[in-house]
Amino acid sequence: MPLTGTIYIAGAYTAPTDEGILANIEAALEAGLAVHRTGRCPVIVPHVAVPSHSTWNEAMGICKRLLLSCHGLVLIPGWEASKGACLEQEWAITAGMQVWELDAFLKERAA
């Protein structure tokens, strides 16, 4: 059954190296594709939606607006170590959104 509503993908972006940042972007994109494939639901991957020259505060302001336009949040592995992803989880819970970790979301959709 297709989901109705947009899903926001949250996880780490920042890393000590450019390679680490690229790995985080790729992980978020892969998660977004996996979520999309479960029900053809629209997905927002902020890792590629926020200008890379943004300050952390600017980026989080953009992320908050994007997140609050969605219907649910999927957290990718390692999200707990990301200050931004923890904040996004808090915003989603406060807004009454459904929140899943990626593995749980994929298992639920496969059932």
Protein backbone atom coordinates (compact mmCIF):
# COMPACT_ATOMS: atom_id res chain seq x y z
CA MET A 1 0.00 0.00 0.00
CA PRO A 2 1.53 3.33 -1.02
CA LEU A 3 2.16 5.91 1.65
CA THR A 4 0.33 9.17 1.38
CA GLY A 5 2.66 11.98 2.21
CA THR A 6 6.25 12.98 1.95
CA ILE A 7 9.00 11.33 3.98
CA TYR A 8 12.03 13.29 5.20
CA ILE A 9 15.36 11.47 5.48
CA ALA A 10 17.56 12.48 8.44
CA GLY A 11 21.13 11.55 9.18
CA ALA A 12 24.62 12.94 9.56
CA TYR A 13 25.93 15.41 6.99
CA THR A 14 29.07 16.89 8.49
CA ALA A 15 32.29 14.89 8.74
CA PRO A 16 35.98 15.63 9.29
CA THR A 17 36.81 15.15 5.59
CA ASP A 18 35.23 15.84 2.21
CA GLU A 19 35.18 12.08 1.63
CA GLY A 20 33.22 11.64 4.85
CA ILE A 21 30.69 14.27 3.81
CA LEU A 22 30.31 12.57 0.44
CA ALA A 23 29.78 9.22 2.17
CA ASN A 24 27.06 10.77 4.35
CA ILE A 25 25.34 12.27 1.29
CA GLU A 26 25.47 8.91 -0.50
CA ALA A 27 24.05 7.09 2.53
CA ALA A 28 21.16 9.57 2.71
CA LEU A 29 20.45 9.25 -1.02
CA GLU A 30 20.51 5.43 -0.81
CA ALA A 31 18.09 5.57 2.11
CA GLY A 32 15.84 7.94 0.19
CA LEU A 33 15.74 5.56 -2.77
CA ALA A 34 15.00 2.60 -0.50
CA VAL A 35 12.12 4.48 1.13
CA HIS A 36 10.78 5.63 -2.24
CA ARG A 37 10.81 2.08 -3.59
CA THR A 38 8.58 0.83 -0.76
CA GLY A 39 5.57 2.76 -1.89
CA ARG A 40 6.55 5.37 -4.42
CA CYS A 41 6.14 8.01 -1.74
CA PRO A 42 7.81 11.39 -2.26
CA VAL A 43 11.07 11.73 -0.34
CA ILE A 44 13.05 14.78 0.75
CA VAL A 45 16.78 14.23 1.22
CA PRO A 46 18.03 17.49 2.74
CA HIS A 47 21.65 16.48 2.18
CA VAL A 48 21.20 17.55 -1.45
CA ALA A 49 18.52 20.21 -0.91
CA VAL A 50 20.49 22.62 1.27
CA PRO A 51 23.18 24.79 -0.35
CA SER A 52 26.62 23.51 0.70
CA HIS A 53 27.80 27.05 1.52
CA SER A 54 25.12 27.45 4.21
CA THR A 55 26.16 27.93 7.82
CA TRP A 56 24.97 25.25 10.24
CA ASN A 57 22.22 27.56 11.55
CA GLU A 58 21.09 28.47 8.03
CA ALA A 59 21.09 24.81 7.02
CA MET A 60 19.05 23.79 10.04
CA GLY A 61 16.53 26.57 9.35
CA ILE A 62 16.07 25.23 5.82
CA CYS A 63 15.88 21.67 7.15
CA LYS A 64 13.22 22.62 9.68
CA ARG A 65 11.03 24.18 6.99
CA LEU A 66 11.47 21.14 4.74
CA LEU A 67 10.81 18.69 7.58
CA LEU A 68 7.66 20.45 8.76
CA SER A 69 6.25 20.20 5.23
CA CYS A 70 6.50 16.39 5.44
CA HIS A 71 4.33 13.68 6.93
CA GLY A 72 7.01 11.48 8.43
CA LEU A 73 10.69 11.18 9.30
CA VAL A 74 13.06 8.29 8.59
CA LEU A 75 16.33 8.26 10.51
CA ILE A 76 19.30 6.56 8.87
CA PRO A 77 21.92 4.53 10.76
CA GLY A 78 24.26 6.67 12.82
CA TRP A 79 21.75 9.49 13.21
CA GLU A 80 22.22 9.53 16.99
CA ALA A 81 25.73 10.96 16.55
CA SER A 82 24.44 13.89 14.49
CA LYS A 83 23.44 17.04 16.35
CA GLY A 84 21.27 18.07 13.39
CA ALA A 85 19.50 14.72 13.03
CA CYS A 86 18.76 14.67 16.78
CA LEU A 87 17.22 18.12 16.45
CA GLU A 88 15.19 16.99 13.42
CA GLN A 89 13.89 14.02 15.40
CA GLU A 90 12.85 16.37 18.21
CA TRP A 91 11.04 18.68 15.75
CA ALA A 92 9.22 15.75 14.14
CA ILE A 93 8.06 14.34 17.48
CA THR A 94 6.91 17.80 18.63
CA ALA A 95 4.97 18.18 15.37
CA GLY A 96 3.27 14.81 15.91
CA MET A 97 4.85 13.15 12.89
CA GLN A 98 5.50 9.47 12.50
CA VAL A 99 9.17 8.73 13.10
CA TRP A 100 10.98 5.56 12.08
CA GLU A 101 14.52 4.29 11.98
CA LEU A 102 15.31 3.14 8.44
CA ASP A 103 15.41 -0.61 9.17
CA ALA A 104 12.09 -0.49 11.04
CA PHE A 105 10.47 1.52 8.25
CA LEU A 106 11.64 -0.93 5.58
CA LYS A 107 10.51 -3.97 7.62
CA GLU A 108 7.10 -2.39 8.27
CA ARG A 109 6.62 -1.63 4.59
CA ALA A 110 7.68 -5.16 3.58
CA ALA A 111 5.11 -6.78 5.88
